[in-house]
Amino acid sequence: MPFYGEALKVYVYIDGFNFYYGAVKNTAHKWLDIGALCARILPRDTILRIKYFTARVSATPDDPDKPTRQMVYFNALEHYVPQLEIIEGYFQTKPATFRKFPSGGRVRVFKTEEKGSDVNLAVHLLNDAWKKSFEKALVISNDSDLTGAVRLVKAETGLTVGVVNPQLRRKARMAHNLNRVASFRKKLKVSDVKASQLPNPIPGTTLHKPRSW
């Protein structure tokens, strides 16, 4: 691939929950090499650090092995992608009531939400910018709650902050506010996700891609 201009030092910030549901859920590409994917998105730059913001999942009656698969994947990433740092939030479960369709009436369920990842991402982006840890940042998320952090970094430091919408649906659009404040925008391609898969097993380990993936 031809190279133009000087490579910039980049930090990448990934909203893991947003990314999972937008790009890999219900696909055969969950064994994702995040380092390789970031290199495909920014092939002309030097990626110094990848910060992946997520939370530990819990077992459910219909999927008791979910935490084990996640742990194997996290271990694989930490062994194979040296730039990667996993920063954990948490899941919060609380009761909620929804209307039943089409029969009508109400049903009470327990709703699980990831908490802390968007705040953690914003705080790390701001802190790293103040410290001049990077020359360019890339945020992989479609969460408009991150708009303020992106705007502030640009305004106060003059640094470049790009955004990638991780939602691969054909008609998915970037959140309006994020789109408006981003220094640049990159499109996540299905072909890049498919091409960025970890080796199986991870060299030098016994870590294998989970069979159900």
N, C-alpha and C. Protein backbone atom coordinates (compact mmCIF):
# COMPACT_ATOMS: atom_id res chain seq x y z
N MET A 1 0.85 -1.19 0.00
CA MET A 1 0.00 0.00 0.00
C MET A 1 0.89 1.24 0.00
N PRO A 2 0.63 2.21 -0.88
CA PRO A 2 1.46 3.41 -0.92
C PRO A 2 1.36 4.21 0.37
N PHE A 3 2.44 4.92 0.71
CA PHE A 3 2.48 5.69 1.95
C PHE A 3 2.69 7.16 1.60
N TYR A 4 1.86 8.01 2.18
CA TYR A 4 1.97 9.44 1.92
C TYR A 4 2.05 10.19 3.24
N GLY A 5 3.05 11.07 3.39
CA GLY A 5 3.13 11.91 4.58
C GLY A 5 3.72 11.17 5.76
N GLU A 6 3.84 11.91 6.87
CA GLU A 6 4.43 11.38 8.09
C GLU A 6 3.39 10.62 8.91
N ALA A 7 3.78 9.46 9.42
CA ALA A 7 2.87 8.68 10.27
C ALA A 7 2.67 9.41 11.59
N LEU A 8 1.42 9.48 12.05
CA LEU A 8 1.09 10.12 13.32
C LEU A 8 0.96 9.06 14.42
N LYS A 9 1.23 9.48 15.66
CA LYS A 9 1.12 8.58 16.80
C LYS A 9 -0.32 8.61 17.29
N VAL A 10 -0.96 7.42 17.29
CA VAL A 10 -2.40 7.33 17.50
C VAL A 10 -2.74 6.51 18.74
N TYR A 11 -3.74 6.99 19.49
CA TYR A 11 -4.41 6.20 20.52
C TYR A 11 -5.82 5.91 20.00
N VAL A 12 -6.26 4.66 20.17
CA VAL A 12 -7.60 4.25 19.76
C VAL A 12 -8.43 3.93 21.00
N TYR A 13 -9.66 4.40 21.01
CA TYR A 13 -10.57 4.21 22.14
C TYR A 13 -11.82 3.49 21.62
N ILE A 14 -12.06 2.28 22.12
CA ILE A 14 -13.15 1.45 21.60
C ILE A 14 -14.22 1.26 22.66
N ASP A 15 -15.42 1.63 22.32
CA ASP A 15 -16.61 1.38 23.14
C ASP A 15 -17.02 -0.07 22.88
N GLY A 16 -16.57 -0.98 23.75
CA GLY A 16 -16.73 -2.41 23.50
C GLY A 16 -18.17 -2.86 23.34
N PHE A 17 -19.06 -2.36 24.17
CA PHE A 17 -20.48 -2.74 24.10
C PHE A 17 -21.08 -2.28 22.78
N ASN A 18 -20.84 -1.04 22.41
CA ASN A 18 -21.33 -0.47 21.16
C ASN A 18 -20.75 -1.23 19.97
N PHE A 19 -19.46 -1.55 20.07
CA PHE A 19 -18.79 -2.25 18.98
C PHE A 19 -19.33 -3.67 18.82
N TYR A 20 -19.50 -4.39 19.94
CA TYR A 20 -19.96 -5.77 19.87
C TYR A 20 -21.32 -5.86 19.19
N TYR A 21 -22.26 -5.05 19.65
CA TYR A 21 -23.60 -5.13 19.10
C TYR A 21 -23.70 -4.55 17.70
N GLY A 22 -22.76 -3.67 17.33
CA GLY A 22 -22.81 -3.11 15.99
C GLY A 22 -22.10 -3.91 14.94
N ALA A 23 -21.01 -4.61 15.34
CA ALA A 23 -20.13 -5.20 14.33
C ALA A 23 -19.99 -6.71 14.38
N VAL A 24 -20.10 -7.35 15.54
CA VAL A 24 -19.78 -8.78 15.58
C VAL A 24 -20.86 -9.69 16.13
N LYS A 25 -21.84 -9.15 16.85
CA LYS A 25 -22.89 -10.01 17.40
C LYS A 25 -23.61 -10.73 16.26
N ASN A 26 -23.90 -12.01 16.47
CA ASN A 26 -24.58 -12.85 15.48
C ASN A 26 -23.79 -13.00 14.18
N THR A 27 -22.46 -12.90 14.29
CA THR A 27 -21.59 -13.16 13.13
C THR A 27 -20.60 -14.25 13.50
N ALA A 28 -19.83 -14.70 12.51
CA ALA A 28 -18.78 -15.69 12.74
C ALA A 28 -17.43 -15.03 12.98
N HIS A 29 -17.44 -13.72 13.29
CA HIS A 29 -16.19 -12.96 13.36
C HIS A 29 -15.88 -12.43 14.75
N LYS A 30 -16.34 -13.14 15.78
CA LYS A 30 -16.13 -12.68 17.15
C LYS A 30 -14.68 -12.84 17.63
N TRP A 31 -13.91 -13.72 16.97
CA TRP A 31 -12.51 -13.96 17.34
C TRP A 31 -11.66 -12.86 16.68
N LEU A 32 -11.97 -11.64 17.01
CA LEU A 32 -11.46 -10.49 16.29
C LEU A 32 -10.11 -10.03 16.79
N ASP A 33 -9.19 -9.81 15.87
CA ASP A 33 -7.89 -9.22 16.18
C ASP A 33 -8.06 -7.70 16.12
N ILE A 34 -8.26 -7.09 17.27
CA ILE A 34 -8.54 -5.66 17.33
C ILE A 34 -7.35 -4.84 16.83
N GLY A 35 -6.15 -5.31 17.10
CA GLY A 35 -4.96 -4.61 16.62
C GLY A 35 -4.91 -4.57 15.10
N ALA A 36 -5.17 -5.71 14.46
CA ALA A 36 -5.16 -5.76 13.00
C ALA A 36 -6.27 -4.90 12.41
N LEU A 37 -7.44 -4.90 13.06
CA LEU A 37 -8.54 -4.07 12.57
C LEU A 37 -8.19 -2.59 12.63
N CYS A 38 -7.62 -2.15 13.72
CA CYS A 38 -7.24 -0.74 13.85
C CYS A 38 -6.20 -0.36 12.81
N ALA A 39 -5.27 -1.28 12.53
CA ALA A 39 -4.25 -1.00 11.52
C ALA A 39 -4.86 -0.88 10.13
N ARG A 40 -5.93 -1.62 9.87
CA ARG A 40 -6.60 -1.52 8.58
C ARG A 40 -7.39 -0.20 8.47
N ILE A 41 -7.92 0.26 9.60
CA ILE A 41 -8.67 1.52 9.58
C ILE A 41 -7.73 2.71 9.37
N LEU A 42 -6.54 2.66 10.01
CA LEU A 42 -5.57 3.75 9.91
C LEU A 42 -4.22 3.20 9.42
N PRO A 43 -4.13 2.79 8.17
CA PRO A 43 -2.93 2.11 7.69
C PRO A 43 -1.69 2.99 7.60
N ARG A 44 -1.85 4.30 7.62
CA ARG A 44 -0.70 5.19 7.45
C ARG A 44 -0.15 5.72 8.77
N ASP A 45 -0.77 5.34 9.88
CA ASP A 45 -0.36 5.87 11.18
C ASP A 45 0.25 4.78 12.06
N THR A 46 0.85 5.22 13.17
CA THR A 46 1.44 4.30 14.14
C THR A 46 0.53 4.23 15.36
N ILE A 47 -0.03 3.06 15.60
CA ILE A 47 -0.97 2.90 16.71
C ILE A 47 -0.19 2.51 17.96
N LEU A 48 -0.09 3.46 18.88
CA LEU A 48 0.67 3.24 20.11
C LEU A 48 -0.12 2.48 21.16
N ARG A 49 -1.42 2.77 21.24
CA ARG A 49 -2.24 2.22 22.32
C ARG A 49 -3.66 2.03 21.84
N ILE A 50 -4.27 0.91 22.26
CA ILE A 50 -5.68 0.64 21.99
C ILE A 50 -6.34 0.40 23.34
N LYS A 51 -7.27 1.25 23.69
CA LYS A 51 -7.99 1.12 24.96
C LYS A 51 -9.40 0.61 24.67
N TYR A 52 -9.69 -0.57 25.23
CA TYR A 52 -10.94 -1.27 24.95
C TYR A 52 -11.80 -1.24 26.21
N PHE A 53 -12.91 -0.54 26.15
CA PHE A 53 -13.76 -0.31 27.31
C PHE A 53 -14.96 -1.26 27.27
N THR A 54 -15.07 -2.10 28.30
CA THR A 54 -16.10 -3.13 28.29
C THR A 54 -16.44 -3.52 29.72
N ALA A 55 -17.18 -4.61 29.89
CA ALA A 55 -17.54 -5.11 31.22
C ALA A 55 -17.62 -6.63 31.17
N ARG A 56 -17.42 -7.26 32.30
CA ARG A 56 -17.52 -8.71 32.40
C ARG A 56 -18.98 -9.13 32.37
N VAL A 57 -19.30 -10.09 31.51
CA VAL A 57 -20.67 -10.58 31.43
C VAL A 57 -20.90 -11.64 32.50
N SER A 58 -22.17 -11.92 32.78
CA SER A 58 -22.54 -12.96 33.74
C SER A 58 -23.21 -14.12 33.02
N ALA A 59 -23.15 -15.29 33.66
CA ALA A 59 -23.83 -16.45 33.10
C ALA A 59 -25.34 -16.26 33.17
N THR A 60 -26.04 -16.83 32.21
CA THR A 60 -27.50 -16.82 32.19
C THR A 60 -27.97 -18.26 32.07
N PRO A 61 -29.23 -18.54 32.44
CA PRO A 61 -29.72 -19.92 32.35
C PRO A 61 -29.60 -20.51 30.95
N ASP A 62 -29.79 -19.68 29.93
CA ASP A 62 -29.72 -20.19 28.56
C ASP A 62 -28.31 -20.17 27.99
N ASP A 63 -27.36 -19.54 28.70
CA ASP A 63 -25.98 -19.47 28.21
C ASP A 63 -25.01 -19.40 29.39
N PRO A 64 -24.82 -20.52 30.10
CA PRO A 64 -23.95 -20.51 31.28
C PRO A 64 -22.47 -20.33 30.96
N ASP A 65 -22.07 -20.56 29.69
CA ASP A 65 -20.65 -20.48 29.33
C ASP A 65 -20.24 -19.10 28.82
N LYS A 66 -21.14 -18.15 28.83
CA LYS A 66 -20.84 -16.82 28.30
C LYS A 66 -19.61 -16.19 28.96
N PRO A 67 -19.50 -16.20 30.31
CA PRO A 67 -18.31 -15.59 30.94
C PRO A 67 -17.01 -16.29 30.56
N THR A 68 -17.06 -17.61 30.38
CA THR A 68 -15.85 -18.36 30.02
C THR A 68 -15.37 -17.96 28.64
N ARG A 69 -16.28 -17.85 27.69
CA ARG A 69 -15.90 -17.44 26.34
C ARG A 69 -15.29 -16.04 26.34
N GLN A 70 -15.91 -15.15 27.09
CA GLN A 70 -15.38 -13.79 27.15
C GLN A 70 -13.98 -13.77 27.76
N MET A 71 -13.77 -14.55 28.82
CA MET A 71 -12.46 -14.59 29.48
C MET A 71 -11.40 -15.12 28.52
N VAL A 72 -11.73 -16.17 27.76
CA VAL A 72 -10.79 -16.72 26.79
C VAL A 72 -10.43 -15.66 25.75
N TYR A 73 -11.43 -14.92 25.29
CA TYR A 73 -11.18 -13.89 24.28
C TYR A 73 -10.31 -12.76 24.84
N PHE A 74 -10.61 -12.31 26.05
CA PHE A 74 -9.79 -11.27 26.66
C PHE A 74 -8.35 -11.74 26.83
N ASN A 75 -8.17 -12.97 27.27
CA ASN A 75 -6.81 -13.51 27.43
C ASN A 75 -6.08 -13.58 26.09
N ALA A 76 -6.81 -13.97 25.05
CA ALA A 76 -6.21 -14.05 23.72
C ALA A 76 -5.75 -12.67 23.25
N LEU A 77 -6.60 -11.67 23.45
CA LEU A 77 -6.23 -10.31 23.05
C LEU A 77 -5.01 -9.82 23.81
N GLU A 78 -4.97 -10.07 25.11
CA GLU A 78 -3.86 -9.58 25.92
C GLU A 78 -2.55 -10.27 25.56
N HIS A 79 -2.61 -11.52 25.09
CA HIS A 79 -1.41 -12.23 24.66
C HIS A 79 -0.95 -11.77 23.28
N TYR A 80 -1.89 -11.46 22.41
CA TYR A 80 -1.55 -11.29 20.98
C TYR A 80 -1.47 -9.83 20.53
N VAL A 81 -2.12 -8.93 21.24
CA VAL A 81 -2.15 -7.52 20.81
C VAL A 81 -1.44 -6.68 21.88
N PRO A 82 -0.15 -6.42 21.71
CA PRO A 82 0.62 -5.76 22.77
C PRO A 82 0.18 -4.34 23.08
N GLN A 83 -0.45 -3.64 22.12
CA GLN A 83 -0.88 -2.26 22.38
C GLN A 83 -2.17 -2.20 23.19
N LEU A 84 -2.83 -3.34 23.38
CA LEU A 84 -4.18 -3.35 23.94
C LEU A 84 -4.19 -3.24 25.46
N GLU A 85 -5.14 -2.43 25.95
CA GLU A 85 -5.44 -2.34 27.38
C GLU A 85 -6.95 -2.47 27.54
N ILE A 86 -7.40 -3.44 28.33
CA ILE A 86 -8.82 -3.64 28.58
C ILE A 86 -9.19 -2.90 29.87
N ILE A 87 -10.16 -2.01 29.77
CA ILE A 87 -10.59 -1.19 30.91
C ILE A 87 -12.05 -1.52 31.19
N GLU A 88 -12.32 -2.02 32.39
CA GLU A 88 -13.63 -2.59 32.67
C GLU A 88 -14.55 -1.65 33.44
N GLY A 89 -15.80 -1.63 32.99
CA GLY A 89 -16.90 -1.05 33.75
C GLY A 89 -17.64 -2.19 34.42
N TYR A 90 -18.96 -2.12 34.45
CA TYR A 90 -19.74 -3.18 35.07
C TYR A 90 -21.15 -3.19 34.48
N PHE A 91 -21.84 -4.32 34.69
CA PHE A 91 -23.23 -4.43 34.26
C PHE A 91 -24.14 -4.22 35.46
N GLN A 92 -25.24 -3.52 35.24
CA GLN A 92 -26.24 -3.29 36.28
C GLN A 92 -27.57 -3.86 35.82
N THR A 93 -28.17 -4.70 36.67
CA THR A 93 -29.46 -5.30 36.35
C THR A 93 -30.53 -4.70 37.24
N LYS A 94 -31.62 -4.25 36.60
CA LYS A 94 -32.71 -3.66 37.38
C LYS A 94 -34.04 -4.03 36.72
N PRO A 95 -35.13 -4.08 37.51
CA PRO A 95 -36.43 -4.45 36.96
C PRO A 95 -36.98 -3.34 36.06
N ALA A 96 -37.71 -3.76 35.04
CA ALA A 96 -38.36 -2.82 34.12
C ALA A 96 -39.67 -3.43 33.66
N THR A 97 -40.62 -2.58 33.30
CA THR A 97 -41.92 -3.03 32.83
C THR A 97 -42.13 -2.58 31.39
N PHE A 98 -42.55 -3.52 30.54
CA PHE A 98 -42.79 -3.22 29.13
C PHE A 98 -44.19 -3.66 28.72
N ARG A 99 -44.73 -3.01 27.71
CA ARG A 99 -46.02 -3.40 27.16
C ARG A 99 -45.86 -4.64 26.28
N LYS A 100 -46.77 -5.58 26.41
CA LYS A 100 -46.74 -6.81 25.61
C LYS A 100 -47.44 -6.57 24.27
N PHE A 101 -46.82 -7.05 23.22
CA PHE A 101 -47.42 -6.97 21.88
C PHE A 101 -47.50 -8.37 21.31
N PRO A 102 -48.58 -8.72 20.58
CA PRO A 102 -49.74 -7.86 20.28
C PRO A 102 -50.88 -8.01 21.29
N SER A 103 -50.67 -8.81 22.33
CA SER A 103 -51.77 -9.15 23.23
C SER A 103 -52.15 -8.02 24.18
N GLY A 104 -51.27 -7.05 24.37
CA GLY A 104 -51.53 -5.98 25.32
C GLY A 104 -51.15 -6.38 26.73
N GLY A 105 -51.39 -5.51 27.69
CA GLY A 105 -51.00 -5.78 29.06
C GLY A 105 -49.55 -5.40 29.28
N ARG A 106 -49.04 -5.71 30.45
CA ARG A 106 -47.68 -5.34 30.83
C ARG A 106 -46.91 -6.58 31.29
N VAL A 107 -45.60 -6.58 31.08
CA VAL A 107 -44.75 -7.68 31.53
C VAL A 107 -43.55 -7.08 32.26
N ARG A 108 -43.18 -7.70 33.36
CA ARG A 108 -42.05 -7.23 34.17
C ARG A 108 -40.83 -8.10 33.85
N VAL A 109 -39.72 -7.46 33.50
CA VAL A 109 -38.50 -8.18 33.16
C VAL A 109 -37.33 -7.53 33.91
N PHE A 110 -36.17 -8.19 33.84
CA PHE A 110 -34.96 -7.61 34.39
C PHE A 110 -34.09 -7.14 33.23
N LYS A 111 -33.77 -5.87 33.22
CA LYS A 111 -33.02 -5.24 32.15
C LYS A 111 -31.57 -5.03 32.59
N THR A 112 -30.63 -5.50 31.76
CA THR A 112 -29.21 -5.37 32.07
C THR A 112 -28.59 -4.30 31.20
N GLU A 113 -27.89 -3.37 31.85
CA GLU A 113 -27.23 -2.29 31.13
C GLU A 113 -25.77 -2.23 31.52
N GLU A 114 -24.92 -1.92 30.55
CA GLU A 114 -23.51 -1.71 30.85
C GLU A 114 -23.34 -0.30 31.40
N LYS A 115 -22.60 -0.20 32.50
CA LYS A 115 -22.40 1.09 33.14
C LYS A 115 -20.91 1.39 33.24
N GLY A 116 -20.57 2.62 33.04
CA GLY A 116 -19.20 3.06 33.28
C GLY A 116 -18.32 3.15 32.07
N SER A 117 -18.60 2.40 31.00
CA SER A 117 -17.68 2.37 29.87
C SER A 117 -17.60 3.71 29.15
N ASP A 118 -18.76 4.36 28.94
CA ASP A 118 -18.73 5.64 28.24
C ASP A 118 -18.00 6.70 29.07
N VAL A 119 -18.22 6.68 30.39
CA VAL A 119 -17.53 7.63 31.27
C VAL A 119 -16.03 7.34 31.27
N ASN A 120 -15.67 6.06 31.40
CA ASN A 120 -14.26 5.68 31.39
C ASN A 120 -13.58 6.11 30.09
N LEU A 121 -14.25 5.89 28.97
CA LEU A 121 -13.68 6.25 27.68
C LEU A 121 -13.45 7.77 27.62
N ALA A 122 -14.45 8.54 28.01
CA ALA A 122 -14.33 10.00 27.97
C ALA A 122 -13.19 10.49 28.86
N VAL A 123 -13.09 9.93 30.07
CA VAL A 123 -12.05 10.35 31.02
C VAL A 123 -10.66 10.02 30.48
N HIS A 124 -10.50 8.82 29.93
CA HIS A 124 -9.19 8.43 29.38
C HIS A 124 -8.82 9.29 28.17
N LEU A 125 -9.78 9.56 27.30
CA LEU A 125 -9.51 10.40 26.14
C LEU A 125 -9.04 11.78 26.58
N LEU A 126 -9.74 12.38 27.54
CA LEU A 126 -9.36 13.70 28.03
C LEU A 126 -8.00 13.68 28.72
N ASN A 127 -7.77 12.72 29.58
CA ASN A 127 -6.52 12.65 30.33
C ASN A 127 -5.32 12.44 29.41
N ASP A 128 -5.47 11.53 28.44
CA ASP A 128 -4.38 11.26 27.51
C ASP A 128 -4.09 12.49 26.63
N ALA A 129 -5.16 13.23 26.30
CA ALA A 129 -4.97 14.44 25.49
C ALA A 129 -4.20 15.50 26.27
N TRP A 130 -4.57 15.71 27.56
CA TRP A 130 -3.85 16.71 28.38
C TRP A 130 -2.37 16.35 28.49
N LYS A 131 -2.08 15.05 28.56
CA LYS A 131 -0.70 14.60 28.71
C LYS A 131 0.04 14.56 27.37
N LYS A 132 -0.65 14.87 26.28
CA LYS A 132 -0.07 14.82 24.94
C LYS A 132 0.48 13.43 24.63
N SER A 133 -0.27 12.40 25.04
CA SER A 133 0.16 11.03 24.80
C SER A 133 0.05 10.65 23.33
N PHE A 134 -0.81 11.33 22.60
CA PHE A 134 -1.01 11.00 21.18
C PHE A 134 -1.00 12.27 20.34
N GLU A 135 -0.83 12.05 19.03
CA GLU A 135 -0.95 13.13 18.05
C GLU A 135 -2.33 13.11 17.39
N LYS A 136 -2.93 11.93 17.39
CA LYS A 136 -4.26 11.76 16.82
C LYS A 136 -4.97 10.67 17.60
N ALA A 137 -6.28 10.86 17.84
CA ALA A 137 -7.08 9.86 18.53
C ALA A 137 -8.17 9.36 17.60
N LEU A 138 -8.54 8.10 17.79
CA LEU A 138 -9.65 7.52 17.05
C LEU A 138 -10.62 6.92 18.06
N VAL A 139 -11.87 7.35 18.02
CA VAL A 139 -12.92 6.82 18.89
C VAL A 139 -13.82 5.92 18.06
N ILE A 140 -13.95 4.66 18.47
CA ILE A 140 -14.82 3.72 17.77
C ILE A 140 -16.07 3.55 18.62
N SER A 141 -17.09 4.31 18.29
CA SER A 141 -18.34 4.31 19.03
C SER A 141 -19.36 5.13 18.26
N ASN A 142 -20.63 4.85 18.53
CA ASN A 142 -21.70 5.68 17.98
C ASN A 142 -22.56 6.24 19.12
N ASP A 143 -21.93 6.44 20.28
CA ASP A 143 -22.61 6.95 21.46
C ASP A 143 -22.47 8.47 21.51
N SER A 144 -23.57 9.17 21.33
CA SER A 144 -23.52 10.63 21.32
C SER A 144 -23.11 11.22 22.67
N ASP A 145 -23.14 10.42 23.75
CA ASP A 145 -22.70 10.91 25.05
C ASP A 145 -21.21 11.28 25.05
N LEU A 146 -20.48 10.82 24.05
CA LEU A 146 -19.05 11.11 23.97
C LEU A 146 -18.76 12.42 23.25
N THR A 147 -19.80 13.06 22.76
CA THR A 147 -19.63 14.30 21.99
C THR A 147 -18.86 15.37 22.76
N GLY A 148 -19.23 15.57 24.02
CA GLY A 148 -18.59 16.61 24.81
C GLY A 148 -17.11 16.39 24.98
N ALA A 149 -16.70 15.15 25.22
CA ALA A 149 -15.28 14.85 25.41
C ALA A 149 -14.50 15.10 24.12
N VAL A 150 -15.05 14.67 23.00
CA VAL A 150 -14.38 14.88 21.72
C VAL A 150 -14.25 16.38 21.44
N ARG A 151 -15.33 17.12 21.65
CA ARG A 151 -15.31 18.56 21.41
C ARG A 151 -14.28 19.25 22.29
N LEU A 152 -14.22 18.87 23.57
CA LEU A 152 -13.31 19.52 24.50
C LEU A 152 -11.85 19.25 24.16
N VAL A 153 -11.54 18.01 23.80
CA VAL A 153 -10.16 17.69 23.42
C VAL A 153 -9.73 18.53 22.22
N LYS A 154 -10.58 18.62 21.23
CA LYS A 154 -10.24 19.42 20.05
C LYS A 154 -10.06 20.90 20.39
N ALA A 155 -10.99 21.43 21.18
CA ALA A 155 -10.98 22.86 21.48
C ALA A 155 -9.82 23.26 22.38
N GLU A 156 -9.49 22.43 23.38
CA GLU A 156 -8.50 22.81 24.38
C GLU A 156 -7.08 22.40 24.04
N THR A 157 -6.92 21.38 23.19
CA THR A 157 -5.57 20.91 22.88
C THR A 157 -5.21 21.07 21.42
N GLY A 158 -6.20 21.24 20.56
CA GLY A 158 -5.93 21.33 19.13
C GLY A 158 -5.61 20.00 18.48
N LEU A 159 -5.76 18.90 19.22
CA LEU A 159 -5.47 17.57 18.69
C LEU A 159 -6.61 17.07 17.81
N THR A 160 -6.28 16.15 16.94
CA THR A 160 -7.23 15.57 16.01
C THR A 160 -7.93 14.37 16.64
N VAL A 161 -9.25 14.33 16.56
CA VAL A 161 -10.03 13.19 17.08
C VAL A 161 -11.01 12.73 16.00
N GLY A 162 -10.77 11.54 15.49
CA GLY A 162 -11.67 10.96 14.49
C GLY A 162 -12.64 9.99 15.13
N VAL A 163 -13.69 9.65 14.40
CA VAL A 163 -14.73 8.76 14.92
C VAL A 163 -15.07 7.71 13.86
N VAL A 164 -15.26 6.48 14.34
CA VAL A 164 -15.74 5.38 13.50
C VAL A 164 -17.06 4.89 14.07
N ASN A 165 -18.08 4.81 13.23
CA ASN A 165 -19.35 4.21 13.62
C ASN A 165 -19.22 2.69 13.50
N PRO A 166 -19.31 1.93 14.62
CA PRO A 166 -19.12 0.48 14.54
C PRO A 166 -20.35 -0.29 14.05
N GLN A 167 -21.43 0.39 13.77
CA GLN A 167 -22.64 -0.29 13.33
C GLN A 167 -22.55 -0.57 11.83
N LEU A 168 -22.58 -1.86 11.49
CA LEU A 168 -22.36 -2.27 10.11
C LEU A 168 -23.64 -2.40 9.29
N ARG A 169 -24.79 -2.17 9.91
CA ARG A 169 -26.03 -2.23 9.13
C ARG A 169 -25.96 -1.23 7.98
N ARG A 170 -26.51 -1.62 6.85
CA ARG A 170 -26.37 -0.82 5.63
C ARG A 170 -26.83 0.62 5.82
N LYS A 171 -27.93 0.83 6.53
CA LYS A 171 -28.49 2.16 6.67
C LYS A 171 -28.12 2.84 8.00
N ALA A 172 -27.20 2.24 8.74
CA ALA A 172 -26.82 2.82 10.03
C ALA A 172 -26.08 4.13 9.81
N ARG A 173 -26.47 5.14 10.55
CA ARG A 173 -25.83 6.44 10.44
C ARG A 173 -25.10 6.79 11.73
N MET A 174 -24.05 7.58 11.60
CA MET A 174 -23.33 8.05 12.77
C MET A 174 -24.21 9.03 13.54
N ALA A 175 -24.14 8.95 14.87
CA ALA A 175 -24.88 9.88 15.71
C ALA A 175 -24.58 11.31 15.27
N HIS A 176 -25.63 12.10 15.13
CA HIS A 176 -25.48 13.45 14.54
C HIS A 176 -24.46 14.30 15.27
N ASN A 177 -24.52 14.33 16.60
CA ASN A 177 -23.61 15.19 17.36
C ASN A 177 -22.16 14.75 17.24
N LEU A 178 -21.91 13.43 17.25
CA LEU A 178 -20.55 12.93 17.07
C LEU A 178 -20.04 13.27 15.68
N ASN A 179 -20.88 13.06 14.69
CA ASN A 179 -20.51 13.37 13.32
C ASN A 179 -20.12 14.84 13.17
N ARG A 180 -20.84 15.70 13.88
CA ARG A 180 -20.62 17.14 13.76
C ARG A 180 -19.29 17.58 14.36
N VAL A 181 -18.86 16.95 15.47
CA VAL A 181 -17.64 17.42 16.15
C VAL A 181 -16.38 16.67 15.74
N ALA A 182 -16.50 15.53 15.04
CA ALA A 182 -15.33 14.73 14.69
C ALA A 182 -14.41 15.49 13.73
N SER A 183 -13.10 15.33 13.93
CA SER A 183 -12.13 15.91 13.00
C SER A 183 -12.17 15.19 11.66
N PHE A 184 -12.41 13.88 11.71
CA PHE A 184 -12.56 13.09 10.50
C PHE A 184 -13.41 11.88 10.83
N ARG A 185 -13.90 11.22 9.81
CA ARG A 185 -14.75 10.05 10.00
C ARG A 185 -14.21 8.91 9.15
N LYS A 186 -14.27 7.70 9.69
CA LYS A 186 -13.87 6.51 8.96
C LYS A 186 -15.03 5.53 8.96
N LYS A 187 -15.18 4.81 7.88
CA LYS A 187 -16.24 3.81 7.78
C LYS A 187 -15.69 2.44 8.11
N LEU A 188 -16.34 1.73 8.99
CA LEU A 188 -15.95 0.35 9.31
C LEU A 188 -16.52 -0.56 8.23
N LYS A 189 -15.67 -1.40 7.66
CA LYS A 189 -16.09 -2.27 6.56
C LYS A 189 -16.20 -3.72 7.04
N VAL A 190 -17.21 -4.41 6.56
CA VAL A 190 -17.37 -5.83 6.87
C VAL A 190 -16.13 -6.60 6.44
N SER A 191 -15.57 -6.24 5.31
CA SER A 191 -14.39 -6.94 4.80
C SER A 191 -13.20 -6.80 5.75
N ASP A 192 -13.09 -5.64 6.41
CA ASP A 192 -11.98 -5.45 7.35
C ASP A 192 -12.18 -6.30 8.60
N VAL A 193 -13.43 -6.41 9.07
CA VAL A 193 -13.72 -7.26 10.23
C VAL A 193 -13.42 -8.71 9.90
N LYS A 194 -13.84 -9.17 8.73
CA LYS A 194 -13.60 -10.55 8.32
C LYS A 194 -12.11 -10.85 8.20
N ALA A 195 -11.35 -9.88 7.71
CA ALA A 195 -9.92 -10.10 7.47
C ALA A 195 -9.08 -9.97 8.74
N SER A 196 -9.67 -9.45 9.81
CA SER A 196 -8.91 -9.18 11.05
C SER A 196 -9.28 -10.19 12.12
N GLN A 197 -8.93 -11.44 11.91
CA GLN A 197 -9.22 -12.50 12.87
C GLN A 197 -7.94 -13.01 13.52
N LEU A 198 -8.04 -13.33 14.80
CA LEU A 198 -6.90 -13.85 15.54
C LEU A 198 -6.52 -15.23 15.03
N PRO A 199 -5.25 -15.62 15.15
CA PRO A 199 -4.87 -17.00 14.83
C PRO A 199 -5.51 -17.96 15.83
N ASN A 200 -5.73 -19.17 15.40
CA ASN A 200 -6.39 -20.17 16.25
C ASN A 200 -5.62 -21.48 16.19
N PRO A 201 -4.91 -21.84 17.28
CA PRO A 201 -4.84 -21.15 18.58
C PRO A 201 -3.90 -19.95 18.54
N ILE A 202 -3.88 -19.19 19.64
CA ILE A 202 -2.93 -18.10 19.79
C ILE A 202 -1.54 -18.70 19.93
N PRO A 203 -0.58 -18.29 19.11
CA PRO A 203 0.76 -18.88 19.18
C PRO A 203 1.35 -18.84 20.58
N GLY A 204 1.95 -19.98 20.98
CA GLY A 204 2.60 -20.07 22.27
C GLY A 204 1.66 -20.27 23.44
N THR A 205 0.36 -20.49 23.14
CA THR A 205 -0.64 -20.68 24.20
C THR A 205 -1.56 -21.84 23.84
N THR A 206 -2.45 -22.16 24.75
CA THR A 206 -3.50 -23.14 24.47
C THR A 206 -4.85 -22.45 24.26
N LEU A 207 -4.82 -21.16 23.98
CA LEU A 207 -6.05 -20.40 23.82
C LEU A 207 -6.64 -20.61 22.43
N HIS A 208 -7.85 -21.17 22.40
CA HIS A 208 -8.55 -21.45 21.14
C HIS A 208 -9.83 -20.62 21.03
N LYS A 209 -10.21 -20.39 19.80
CA LYS A 209 -11.50 -19.76 19.54
C LYS A 209 -12.60 -20.67 20.09
N PRO A 210 -13.55 -20.13 20.88
CA PRO A 210 -14.64 -20.96 21.40
C PRO A 210 -15.40 -21.64 20.26
N ARG A 211 -15.78 -22.89 20.48
CA ARG A 211 -16.41 -23.68 19.41
C ARG A 211 -17.70 -23.05 18.90
N SER A 212 -18.46 -22.46 19.78
CA SER A 212 -19.76 -21.90 19.38
C SER A 212 -19.61 -20.62 18.55
N TRP A 213 -18.37 -20.09 18.46
CA TRP A 213 -18.12 -18.91 17.66
C TRP A 213 -17.80 -19.29 16.23
